[in-house]
Amino acid sequence: MISKAKKIAIVGLGLLGGSYAKGLARANYQLIGIDIDLEAVEFAKKLNWIVEGGDDPSLVKNADIIIFALYPLTLLDWVKENQKYFKSGAIITDVTGIKVEVLKGLKEILRDDVEFIASHPMAGKEVSGIKYADTSMFEPANYIIVPTKDNTEEGIRVATDIAKILNFNTIVELDPETHDEMVGFVSQLTHVIAVSLMNSKDNTHLVDYTGDSFRDLTRIAKINDVLWTELFMMNKENLSKEIDDFVEAILHFQKALDNSDIEEMKRLFVQSTERRKLFDIRK
């Protein structure tokens, strides 16, 4: 496990960065917090999640481990501008939901004497900001480590240890291409579906009549427009293919309905039920 003597910096104290800070502080790690929002820094200090913090990028200079909880493009810009402060030998990781383009961008700019190990906590909420930090969202969630040939065993171990300290349910490894293809289906397509359903017609007059199924299906339609536009555009080839496959499935169901093909509809219901069972949270 990561030594308590290691200094850990978190760059970005929003929902995820704040939740990381809360969880790592609970495990008695001494943390440095960096954010342009000084109110977020003060919030973390007041709760003793960080021992040092501010908006000065040079605060990372003594960190052995740096966790970036930033949007993908902001991460790339931040590293380009401030990697001069990185300690030689530092291990860097992230929380971004897309990997191929992020890794490509970092490979072009990152110093050779530090190591970046990509990670993706499959956890979040439909709210933002450190005041909503919540480590309980990690407990049922998956944590994906995305190593490349440039990573060392130590770098992968650090990412694994972070996931264990934060009590993630499952820790797995994927290559960058497989990760982005997977995310295009299980995360990005589901957001497209929720957004499209809410935008398919003006449904505001149904607020007093809807049931849990509509609320459950559209929960993620409350979406961060800046972040998700970045994620979609950086994975648009995979996402566009998933949309094509989904449209084909919708049209197939519509055909069965129009043709009163009851047996085909029942077959689709049974198949979906069996497939969905596999996604029930494992304890």
C-alpha atoms as a PDB file:
ATOM      1  CA  MET A   1       0.000   0.000   0.000  1.00  0.00           C
ATOM      2  CA  ILE A   2       1.125   3.592  -0.609  1.00  0.00           C
ATOM      3  CA  SER A   3       3.380   4.735   2.218  1.00  0.00           C
ATOM      4  CA  LYS A   4       1.929   7.401   4.520  1.00  0.00           C
ATOM      5  CA  ALA A   5       5.234   9.226   4.038  1.00  0.00           C
ATOM      6  CA  LYS A   6       4.345   9.870   0.389  1.00  0.00           C
ATOM      7  CA  LYS A   7       3.022  13.331  -0.386  1.00  0.00           C
ATOM      8  CA  ILE A   8      -0.098  13.301  -2.540  1.00  0.00           C
ATOM      9  CA  ALA A   9      -1.427  16.305  -4.465  1.00  0.00           C
ATOM     10  CA  ILE A  10      -4.922  16.551  -5.923  1.00  0.00           C
ATOM     11  CA  VAL A  11      -5.359  19.059  -8.733  1.00  0.00           C
ATOM     12  CA  GLY A  12      -9.041  19.917  -9.033  1.00  0.00           C
ATOM     13  CA  LEU A  13     -11.249  19.902  -5.939  1.00  0.00           C
ATOM     14  CA  GLY A  14     -14.637  19.390  -7.482  1.00  0.00           C
ATOM     15  CA  LEU A  15     -16.976  16.449  -6.899  1.00  0.00           C
ATOM     16  CA  LEU A  16     -14.452  13.723  -7.751  1.00  0.00           C
ATOM     17  CA  GLY A  17     -11.336  15.497  -6.541  1.00  0.00           C
ATOM     18  CA  GLY A  18     -13.084  16.383  -3.304  1.00  0.00           C
ATOM     19  CA  SER A  19     -14.295  12.822  -2.842  1.00  0.00           C
ATOM     20  CA  TYR A  20     -10.766  11.521  -3.411  1.00  0.00           C
ATOM     21  CA  ALA A  21      -9.491  14.019  -0.833  1.00  0.00           C
ATOM     22  CA  LYS A  22     -12.116  12.971   1.681  1.00  0.00           C
ATOM     23  CA  GLY A  23     -11.356   9.273   1.235  1.00  0.00           C
ATOM     24  CA  LEU A  24      -7.574   9.576   1.270  1.00  0.00           C
ATOM     25  CA  ALA A  25      -7.649  11.891   4.298  1.00  0.00           C
ATOM     26  CA  ARG A  26      -9.836   9.363   6.115  1.00  0.00           C
ATOM     27  CA  ALA A  27      -7.039   6.857   5.491  1.00  0.00           C
ATOM     28  CA  ASN A  28      -4.592   9.316   7.132  1.00  0.00           C
ATOM     29  CA  TYR A  29      -2.746  10.499   4.021  1.00  0.00           C
ATOM     30  CA  GLN A  30      -1.359  14.034   4.051  1.00  0.00           C
ATOM     31  CA  LEU A  31      -2.760  15.839   1.017  1.00  0.00           C
ATOM     32  CA  ILE A  32      -2.086  18.988  -0.984  1.00  0.00           C
ATOM     33  CA  GLY A  33      -5.102  20.479  -2.758  1.00  0.00           C
ATOM     34  CA  ILE A  34      -4.958  22.778  -5.767  1.00  0.00           C
ATOM     35  CA  ASP A  35      -7.896  24.548  -7.384  1.00  0.00           C
ATOM     36  CA  ILE A  36      -8.580  27.919  -8.965  1.00  0.00           C
ATOM     37  CA  ASP A  37     -11.658  28.078  -6.735  1.00  0.00           C
ATOM     38  CA  LEU A  38     -10.200  29.125  -3.396  1.00  0.00           C
ATOM     39  CA  GLU A  39     -13.537  28.529  -1.679  1.00  0.00           C
ATOM     40  CA  ALA A  40     -13.189  24.842  -2.561  1.00  0.00           C
ATOM     41  CA  VAL A  41      -9.661  24.839  -1.126  1.00  0.00           C
ATOM     42  CA  GLU A  42     -10.851  26.447   2.097  1.00  0.00           C
ATOM     43  CA  PHE A  43     -13.728  23.966   2.310  1.00  0.00           C
ATOM     44  CA  ALA A  44     -11.259  21.069   2.137  1.00  0.00           C
ATOM     45  CA  LYS A  45      -8.949  22.689   4.678  1.00  0.00           C
ATOM     46  CA  LYS A  46     -11.789  23.312   7.112  1.00  0.00           C
ATOM     47  CA  LEU A  47     -12.726  19.624   7.027  1.00  0.00           C
ATOM     48  CA  ASN A  48      -9.063  18.595   7.379  1.00  0.00           C
ATOM     49  CA  TRP A  49      -9.062  16.800   4.040  1.00  0.00           C
ATOM     50  CA  ILE A  50      -5.928  18.676   2.959  1.00  0.00           C
ATOM     51  CA  VAL A  51      -3.038  20.031   5.002  1.00  0.00           C
ATOM     52  CA  GLU A  52      -1.959  22.539   2.374  1.00  0.00           C
ATOM     53  CA  GLY A  53      -3.673  24.136  -0.583  1.00  0.00           C
ATOM     54  CA  GLY A  54      -4.243  27.061  -2.882  1.00  0.00           C
ATOM     55  CA  ASP A  55      -4.382  28.060  -6.526  1.00  0.00           C
ATOM     56  CA  ASP A  56      -0.603  28.109  -7.052  1.00  0.00           C
ATOM     57  CA  PRO A  57       0.489  25.295  -9.431  1.00  0.00           C
ATOM     58  CA  SER A  58       3.931  25.195  -7.802  1.00  0.00           C
ATOM     59  CA  LEU A  59       2.324  23.488  -4.789  1.00  0.00           C
ATOM     60  CA  VAL A  60       2.851  20.183  -6.632  1.00  0.00           C
ATOM     61  CA  LYS A  61       6.642  20.519  -6.441  1.00  0.00           C
ATOM     62  CA  ASN A  62       7.065  18.181  -3.465  1.00  0.00           C
ATOM     63  CA  ALA A  63       4.337  15.690  -4.393  1.00  0.00           C
ATOM     64  CA  ASP A  64       5.328  12.081  -4.992  1.00  0.00           C
ATOM     65  CA  ILE A  65       1.891  11.305  -6.413  1.00  0.00           C
ATOM     66  CA  ILE A  66      -0.342  13.740  -8.318  1.00  0.00           C
ATOM     67  CA  ILE A  67      -4.013  13.029  -9.000  1.00  0.00           C
ATOM     68  CA  PHE A  68      -5.628  15.161 -11.701  1.00  0.00           C
ATOM     69  CA  ALA A  69      -9.376  15.593 -11.269  1.00  0.00           C
ATOM     70  CA  LEU A  70      -9.776  17.932 -14.239  1.00  0.00           C
ATOM     71  CA  TYR A  71     -11.645  17.934 -17.539  1.00  0.00           C
ATOM     72  CA  PRO A  72      -9.580  16.297 -20.311  1.00  0.00           C
ATOM     73  CA  LEU A  73      -8.578  19.449 -22.200  1.00  0.00           C
ATOM     74  CA  THR A  74      -7.902  21.335 -18.975  1.00  0.00           C
ATOM     75  CA  LEU A  75      -5.668  18.472 -17.846  1.00  0.00           C
ATOM     76  CA  LEU A  76      -3.586  18.679 -21.014  1.00  0.00           C
ATOM     77  CA  ASP A  77      -3.273  22.455 -20.765  1.00  0.00           C
ATOM     78  CA  TRP A  78      -2.375  22.312 -17.065  1.00  0.00           C
ATOM     79  CA  VAL A  79       0.384  19.753 -17.608  1.00  0.00           C
ATOM     80  CA  LYS A  80       1.805  21.676 -20.548  1.00  0.00           C
ATOM     81  CA  GLU A  81       1.969  24.897 -18.557  1.00  0.00           C
ATOM     82  CA  ASN A  82       2.998  23.580 -15.141  1.00  0.00           C
ATOM     83  CA  GLN A  83       4.924  20.326 -15.475  1.00  0.00           C
ATOM     84  CA  LYS A  84       8.073  22.319 -14.746  1.00  0.00           C
ATOM     85  CA  TYR A  85       7.005  22.022 -11.098  1.00  0.00           C
ATOM     86  CA  PHE A  86       6.735  18.212 -11.125  1.00  0.00           C
ATOM     87  CA  LYS A  87       9.146  16.372  -8.885  1.00  0.00           C
ATOM     88  CA  SER A  88      11.414  14.034 -10.832  1.00  0.00           C
ATOM     89  CA  GLY A  89      10.074  10.496 -10.446  1.00  0.00           C
ATOM     90  CA  ALA A  90       6.538  11.627  -9.606  1.00  0.00           C
ATOM     91  CA  ILE A  91       3.690   9.281 -10.504  1.00  0.00           C
ATOM     92  CA  ILE A  92       0.679  11.021 -12.033  1.00  0.00           C
ATOM     93  CA  THR A  93      -2.828   9.704 -12.534  1.00  0.00           C
ATOM     94  CA  ASP A  94      -6.242  11.066 -13.493  1.00  0.00           C
ATOM     95  CA  VAL A  95     -10.009  10.527 -13.387  1.00  0.00           C
ATOM     96  CA  THR A  96     -10.905  11.434 -16.973  1.00  0.00           C
ATOM     97  CA  GLY A  97     -13.528   9.416 -18.813  1.00  0.00           C
ATOM     98  CA  ILE A  98     -11.645   9.160 -22.109  1.00  0.00           C
ATOM     99  CA  LYS A  99      -8.167   7.768 -22.634  1.00  0.00           C
ATOM    100  CA  VAL A 100      -6.844   7.472 -26.196  1.00  0.00           C
ATOM    101  CA  GLU A 101      -6.821  11.207 -26.919  1.00  0.00           C
ATOM    102  CA  VAL A 102      -5.624  12.130 -23.430  1.00  0.00           C
ATOM    103  CA  LEU A 103      -2.734   9.659 -23.610  1.00  0.00           C
ATOM    104  CA  LYS A 104      -1.871  10.848 -27.112  1.00  0.00           C
ATOM    105  CA  GLY A 105      -1.780  14.456 -25.942  1.00  0.00           C
ATOM    106  CA  LEU A 106       0.311  13.687 -22.876  1.00  0.00           C
ATOM    107  CA  LYS A 107       2.800  11.603 -24.835  1.00  0.00           C
ATOM    108  CA  GLU A 108       3.579  14.664 -26.934  1.00  0.00           C
ATOM    109  CA  ILE A 109       4.290  16.954 -23.992  1.00  0.00           C
ATOM    110  CA  LEU A 110       5.021  15.028 -20.782  1.00  0.00           C
ATOM    111  CA  ARG A 111       8.529  15.004 -19.324  1.00  0.00           C
ATOM    112  CA  ASP A 112      10.435  11.716 -19.507  1.00  0.00           C
ATOM    113  CA  ASP A 113      11.293  11.671 -15.791  1.00  0.00           C
ATOM    114  CA  VAL A 114       7.702  11.366 -14.555  1.00  0.00           C
ATOM    115  CA  GLU A 115       5.140   8.612 -15.139  1.00  0.00           C
ATOM    116  CA  PHE A 116       1.477   8.944 -16.080  1.00  0.00           C
ATOM    117  CA  ILE A 117      -0.799   5.993 -15.320  1.00  0.00           C
ATOM    118  CA  ALA A 118      -4.319   6.480 -16.656  1.00  0.00           C
ATOM    119  CA  SER A 119      -7.246   5.646 -14.383  1.00  0.00           C
ATOM    120  CA  HIS A 120     -10.995   5.970 -14.631  1.00  0.00           C
ATOM    121  CA  PRO A 121     -13.261   5.774 -11.578  1.00  0.00           C
ATOM    122  CA  MET A 122     -16.675   4.786 -12.934  1.00  0.00           C
ATOM    123  CA  ALA A 123     -18.481   6.888 -10.354  1.00  0.00           C
ATOM    124  CA  GLY A 124     -20.178  10.256 -10.257  1.00  0.00           C
ATOM    125  CA  LYS A 125     -23.309  12.247  -9.552  1.00  0.00           C
ATOM    126  CA  GLU A 126     -25.565  14.672 -11.379  1.00  0.00           C
ATOM    127  CA  VAL A 127     -24.233  17.521  -9.247  1.00  0.00           C
ATOM    128  CA  SER A 128     -20.881  19.282  -9.132  1.00  0.00           C
ATOM    129  CA  GLY A 129     -18.662  20.868  -6.530  1.00  0.00           C
ATOM    130  CA  ILE A 130     -16.738  19.794  -3.469  1.00  0.00           C
ATOM    131  CA  LYS A 131     -19.715  20.355  -1.176  1.00  0.00           C
ATOM    132  CA  TYR A 132     -21.225  17.217  -2.735  1.00  0.00           C
ATOM    133  CA  ALA A 133     -18.096  15.091  -2.133  1.00  0.00           C
ATOM    134  CA  ASP A 134     -19.172  11.585  -1.174  1.00  0.00           C
ATOM    135  CA  THR A 135     -16.929   8.533  -0.823  1.00  0.00           C
ATOM    136  CA  SER A 136     -19.901   6.161  -0.619  1.00  0.00           C
ATOM    137  CA  MET A 137     -20.343   6.448  -4.401  1.00  0.00           C
ATOM    138  CA  PHE A 138     -17.062   4.534  -4.813  1.00  0.00           C
ATOM    139  CA  GLU A 139     -18.177   1.447  -2.906  1.00  0.00           C
ATOM    140  CA  PRO A 140     -20.467  -0.055  -5.594  1.00  0.00           C
ATOM    141  CA  ALA A 141     -18.354   1.324  -8.462  1.00  0.00           C
ATOM    142  CA  ASN A 142     -15.753  -0.055 -10.839  1.00  0.00           C
ATOM    143  CA  TYR A 143     -12.256   1.415 -11.145  1.00  0.00           C
ATOM    144  CA  ILE A 144     -10.457   0.985 -14.447  1.00  0.00           C
ATOM    145  CA  ILE A 145      -6.687   1.216 -14.771  1.00  0.00           C
ATOM    146  CA  VAL A 146      -5.507   1.862 -18.332  1.00  0.00           C
ATOM    147  CA  PRO A 147      -1.805   1.010 -18.592  1.00  0.00           C
ATOM    148  CA  THR A 148       0.396   1.344 -21.666  1.00  0.00           C
ATOM    149  CA  LYS A 149       3.789  -0.092 -22.533  1.00  0.00           C
ATOM    150  CA  ASP A 150       5.348   2.988 -20.939  1.00  0.00           C
ATOM    151  CA  ASN A 151       4.025   2.171 -17.473  1.00  0.00           C
ATOM    152  CA  THR A 152       6.033   0.530 -14.709  1.00  0.00           C
ATOM    153  CA  GLU A 153       4.844  -1.999 -12.153  1.00  0.00           C
ATOM    154  CA  GLU A 154       5.157   0.726  -9.521  1.00  0.00           C
ATOM    155  CA  GLY A 155       2.896   3.075 -11.478  1.00  0.00           C
ATOM    156  CA  ILE A 156       0.214   0.409 -11.859  1.00  0.00           C
ATOM    157  CA  ARG A 157       0.550  -0.480  -8.177  1.00  0.00           C
ATOM    158  CA  VAL A 158       0.020   3.149  -7.147  1.00  0.00           C
ATOM    159  CA  ALA A 159      -3.188   3.354  -9.199  1.00  0.00           C
ATOM    160  CA  THR A 160      -4.361   0.045  -7.746  1.00  0.00           C
ATOM    161  CA  ASP A 161      -3.610   1.174  -4.198  1.00  0.00           C
ATOM    162  CA  ILE A 162      -5.609   4.385  -4.681  1.00  0.00           C
ATOM    163  CA  ALA A 163      -8.617   2.322  -5.763  1.00  0.00           C
ATOM    164  CA  LYS A 164      -8.244  -0.007  -2.766  1.00  0.00           C
ATOM    165  CA  ILE A 165      -7.882   2.872  -0.292  1.00  0.00           C
ATOM    166  CA  LEU A 166     -11.063   4.451  -1.694  1.00  0.00           C
ATOM    167  CA  ASN A 167     -12.935   1.109  -1.414  1.00  0.00           C
ATOM    168  CA  PHE A 168     -13.911   0.651  -5.053  1.00  0.00           C
ATOM    169  CA  ASN A 169     -15.943  -2.498  -5.639  1.00  0.00           C
ATOM    170  CA  THR A 170     -13.999  -3.848  -8.606  1.00  0.00           C
ATOM    171  CA  ILE A 171     -10.562  -2.982 -10.010  1.00  0.00           C
ATOM    172  CA  VAL A 172      -9.778  -3.966 -13.593  1.00  0.00           C
ATOM    173  CA  GLU A 173      -7.294  -3.161 -16.348  1.00  0.00           C
ATOM    174  CA  LEU A 174      -8.094  -2.301 -19.964  1.00  0.00           C
ATOM    175  CA  ASP A 175      -6.018  -1.052 -22.874  1.00  0.00           C
ATOM    176  CA  PRO A 176      -6.869   2.502 -24.018  1.00  0.00           C
ATOM    177  CA  GLU A 177      -8.706   1.511 -27.194  1.00  0.00           C
ATOM    178  CA  THR A 178     -10.880  -1.085 -25.463  1.00  0.00           C
ATOM    179  CA  HIS A 179     -11.586   1.363 -22.647  1.00  0.00           C
ATOM    180  CA  ASP A 180     -12.854   4.057 -25.006  1.00  0.00           C
ATOM    181  CA  GLU A 181     -14.965   1.596 -26.992  1.00  0.00           C
ATOM    182  CA  MET A 182     -16.493   0.296 -23.753  1.00  0.00           C
ATOM    183  CA  VAL A 183     -17.148   3.791 -22.400  1.00  0.00           C
ATOM    184  CA  GLY A 184     -18.803   4.738 -25.687  1.00  0.00           C
ATOM    185  CA  PHE A 185     -21.440   2.092 -24.971  1.00  0.00           C
ATOM    186  CA  VAL A 186     -21.950   1.861 -21.200  1.00  0.00           C
ATOM    187  CA  SER A 187     -21.527   5.554 -20.378  1.00  0.00           C
ATOM    188  CA  GLN A 188     -21.666   7.910 -23.335  1.00  0.00           C
ATOM    189  CA  LEU A 189     -24.482   6.213 -25.278  1.00  0.00           C
ATOM    190  CA  THR A 190     -26.599   6.028 -22.130  1.00  0.00           C
ATOM    191  CA  HIS A 191     -26.216   9.779 -21.676  1.00  0.00           C
ATOM    192  CA  VAL A 192     -27.157  10.373 -25.319  1.00  0.00           C
ATOM    193  CA  ILE A 193     -30.300   8.259 -24.812  1.00  0.00           C
ATOM    194  CA  ALA A 194     -31.308  10.135 -21.655  1.00  0.00           C
ATOM    195  CA  VAL A 195     -30.672  13.535 -23.241  1.00  0.00           C
ATOM    196  CA  SER A 196     -32.532  12.579 -26.422  1.00  0.00           C
ATOM    197  CA  LEU A 197     -35.514  11.283 -24.478  1.00  0.00           C
ATOM    198  CA  MET A 198     -35.801  14.565 -22.574  1.00  0.00           C
ATOM    199  CA  ASN A 199     -35.467  16.527 -25.825  1.00  0.00           C
ATOM    200  CA  SER A 200     -37.792  14.378 -27.964  1.00  0.00           C
ATOM    201  CA  LYS A 201     -40.772  16.502 -26.921  1.00  0.00           C
ATOM    202  CA  ASP A 202     -41.698  19.090 -24.314  1.00  0.00           C
ATOM    203  CA  ASN A 203     -42.440  16.825 -21.358  1.00  0.00           C
ATOM    204  CA  THR A 204     -42.539  19.414 -18.568  1.00  0.00           C
ATOM    205  CA  HIS A 205     -46.318  19.083 -18.154  1.00  0.00           C
ATOM    206  CA  LEU A 206     -45.832  15.420 -17.152  1.00  0.00           C
ATOM    207  CA  VAL A 207     -44.003  16.212 -13.904  1.00  0.00           C
ATOM    208  CA  ASP A 208     -47.046  15.463 -11.750  1.00  0.00           C
ATOM    209  CA  TYR A 209     -47.809  12.166 -13.474  1.00  0.00           C
ATOM    210  CA  THR A 210     -44.526  10.373 -14.131  1.00  0.00           C
ATOM    211  CA  GLY A 211     -43.343   7.275 -12.302  1.00  0.00           C
ATOM    212  CA  ASP A 212     -40.009   5.881 -11.187  1.00  0.00           C
ATOM    213  CA  SER A 213     -39.174   4.325 -14.562  1.00  0.00           C
ATOM    214  CA  PHE A 214     -39.040   7.707 -16.274  1.00  0.00           C
ATOM    215  CA  ARG A 215     -37.067   9.280 -13.433  1.00  0.00           C
ATOM    216  CA  ASP A 216     -34.584   6.384 -13.347  1.00  0.00           C
ATOM    217  CA  LEU A 217     -34.058   6.400 -17.106  1.00  0.00           C
ATOM    218  CA  THR A 218     -33.557  10.159 -17.340  1.00  0.00           C
ATOM    219  CA  ARG A 219     -31.550  10.756 -14.149  1.00  0.00           C
ATOM    220  CA  ILE A 220     -28.340  11.316 -16.121  1.00  0.00           C
ATOM    221  CA  ALA A 221     -30.014  13.805 -18.466  1.00  0.00           C
ATOM    222  CA  LYS A 222     -29.062  16.406 -15.839  1.00  0.00           C
ATOM    223  CA  ILE A 223     -25.700  16.745 -17.548  1.00  0.00           C
ATOM    224  CA  ASN A 224     -22.609  18.961 -17.412  1.00  0.00           C
ATOM    225  CA  ASP A 225     -22.655  20.431 -20.921  1.00  0.00           C
ATOM    226  CA  VAL A 226     -18.976  21.479 -20.983  1.00  0.00           C
ATOM    227  CA  LEU A 227     -17.519  18.202 -19.684  1.00  0.00           C
ATOM    228  CA  TRP A 228     -19.702  15.863 -21.708  1.00  0.00           C
ATOM    229  CA  THR A 229     -19.206  17.797 -24.940  1.00  0.00           C
ATOM    230  CA  GLU A 230     -15.453  17.307 -24.468  1.00  0.00           C
ATOM    231  CA  LEU A 231     -15.853  13.605 -23.735  1.00  0.00           C
ATOM    232  CA  PHE A 232     -18.157  13.024 -26.713  1.00  0.00           C
ATOM    233  CA  MET A 233     -15.954  14.900 -29.176  1.00  0.00           C
ATOM    234  CA  MET A 234     -12.810  13.079 -28.008  1.00  0.00           C
ATOM    235  CA  ASN A 235     -14.536   9.726 -28.573  1.00  0.00           C
ATOM    236  CA  LYS A 236     -16.906  10.596 -31.394  1.00  0.00           C
ATOM    237  CA  GLU A 237     -16.010   7.683 -33.696  1.00  0.00           C
ATOM    238  CA  ASN A 238     -16.829   5.070 -31.052  1.00  0.00           C
ATOM    239  CA  LEU A 239     -19.912   6.941 -29.867  1.00  0.00           C
ATOM    240  CA  SER A 240     -21.293   7.462 -33.365  1.00  0.00           C
ATOM    241  CA  LYS A 241     -21.029   3.711 -34.034  1.00  0.00           C
ATOM    242  CA  GLU A 242     -22.852   2.939 -30.789  1.00  0.00           C
ATOM    243  CA  ILE A 243     -25.617   5.380 -31.753  1.00  0.00           C
ATOM    244  CA  ASP A 244     -25.983   3.611 -35.123  1.00  0.00           C
ATOM    245  CA  ASP A 245     -26.316   0.234 -33.380  1.00  0.00           C
ATOM    246  CA  PHE A 246     -28.858   1.626 -30.934  1.00  0.00           C
ATOM    247  CA  VAL A 247     -30.971   3.200 -33.671  1.00  0.00           C
ATOM    248  CA  GLU A 248     -30.968  -0.159 -35.477  1.00  0.00           C
ATOM    249  CA  ALA A 249     -32.206  -1.875 -32.299  1.00  0.00           C
ATOM    250  CA  ILE A 250     -34.957   0.734 -31.821  1.00  0.00           C
ATOM    251  CA  LEU A 251     -36.105   0.325 -35.417  1.00  0.00           C
ATOM    252  CA  HIS A 252     -36.127  -3.460 -35.015  1.00  0.00           C
ATOM    253  CA  PHE A 253     -38.383  -3.154 -31.986  1.00  0.00           C
ATOM    254  CA  GLN A 254     -40.629  -0.697 -33.825  1.00  0.00           C
ATOM    255  CA  LYS A 255     -40.961  -3.175 -36.702  1.00  0.00           C
ATOM    256  CA  ALA A 256     -41.976  -5.944 -34.299  1.00  0.00           C
ATOM    257  CA  LEU A 257     -44.556  -3.609 -32.738  1.00  0.00           C
ATOM    258  CA  ASP A 258     -45.976  -2.412 -36.081  1.00  0.00           C
ATOM    259  CA  ASN A 259     -46.252  -6.013 -37.305  1.00  0.00           C
ATOM    260  CA  SER A 260     -47.852  -7.185 -34.043  1.00  0.00           C
ATOM    261  CA  ASP A 261     -45.003  -9.679 -33.747  1.00  0.00           C
ATOM    262  CA  ILE A 262     -45.729 -10.636 -30.159  1.00  0.00           C
ATOM    263  CA  GLU A 263     -43.264 -13.524 -30.076  1.00  0.00           C
ATOM    264  CA  GLU A 264     -40.381 -11.317 -31.189  1.00  0.00           C
ATOM    265  CA  MET A 265     -41.275  -8.686 -28.606  1.00  0.00           C
ATOM    266  CA  LYS A 266     -41.372 -11.349 -25.890  1.00  0.00           C
ATOM    267  CA  ARG A 267     -38.005 -12.686 -27.083  1.00  0.00           C
ATOM    268  CA  LEU A 268     -36.477  -9.224 -26.805  1.00  0.00           C
ATOM    269  CA  PHE A 269     -37.921  -8.778 -23.309  1.00  0.00           C
ATOM    270  CA  VAL A 270     -36.517 -12.109 -22.131  1.00  0.00           C
ATOM    271  CA  GLN A 271     -33.123 -11.416 -23.711  1.00  0.00           C
ATOM    272  CA  SER A 272     -32.883  -7.946 -22.162  1.00  0.00           C
ATOM    273  CA  THR A 273     -33.882  -9.286 -18.750  1.00  0.00           C
ATOM    274  CA  GLU A 274     -31.196 -11.974 -18.818  1.00  0.00           C
ATOM    275  CA  ARG A 275     -28.523  -9.546 -19.991  1.00  0.00           C
ATOM    276  CA  ARG A 276     -29.474  -6.930 -17.392  1.00  0.00           C
ATOM    277  CA  LYS A 277     -29.096  -9.428 -14.539  1.00  0.00           C
ATOM    278  CA  LEU A 278     -25.374  -9.548 -15.250  1.00  0.00           C
ATOM    279  CA  PHE A 279     -25.087  -5.861 -14.356  1.00  0.00           C
ATOM    280  CA  ASP A 280     -26.599  -6.138 -10.880  1.00  0.00           C
ATOM    281  CA  ILE A 281     -24.081  -4.807  -8.368  1.00  0.00           C
ATOM    282  CA  ARG A 282     -21.845  -7.535  -6.996  1.00  0.00           C
ATOM    283  CA  LYS A 283     -21.381  -7.473  -3.240  1.00  0.00           C
END
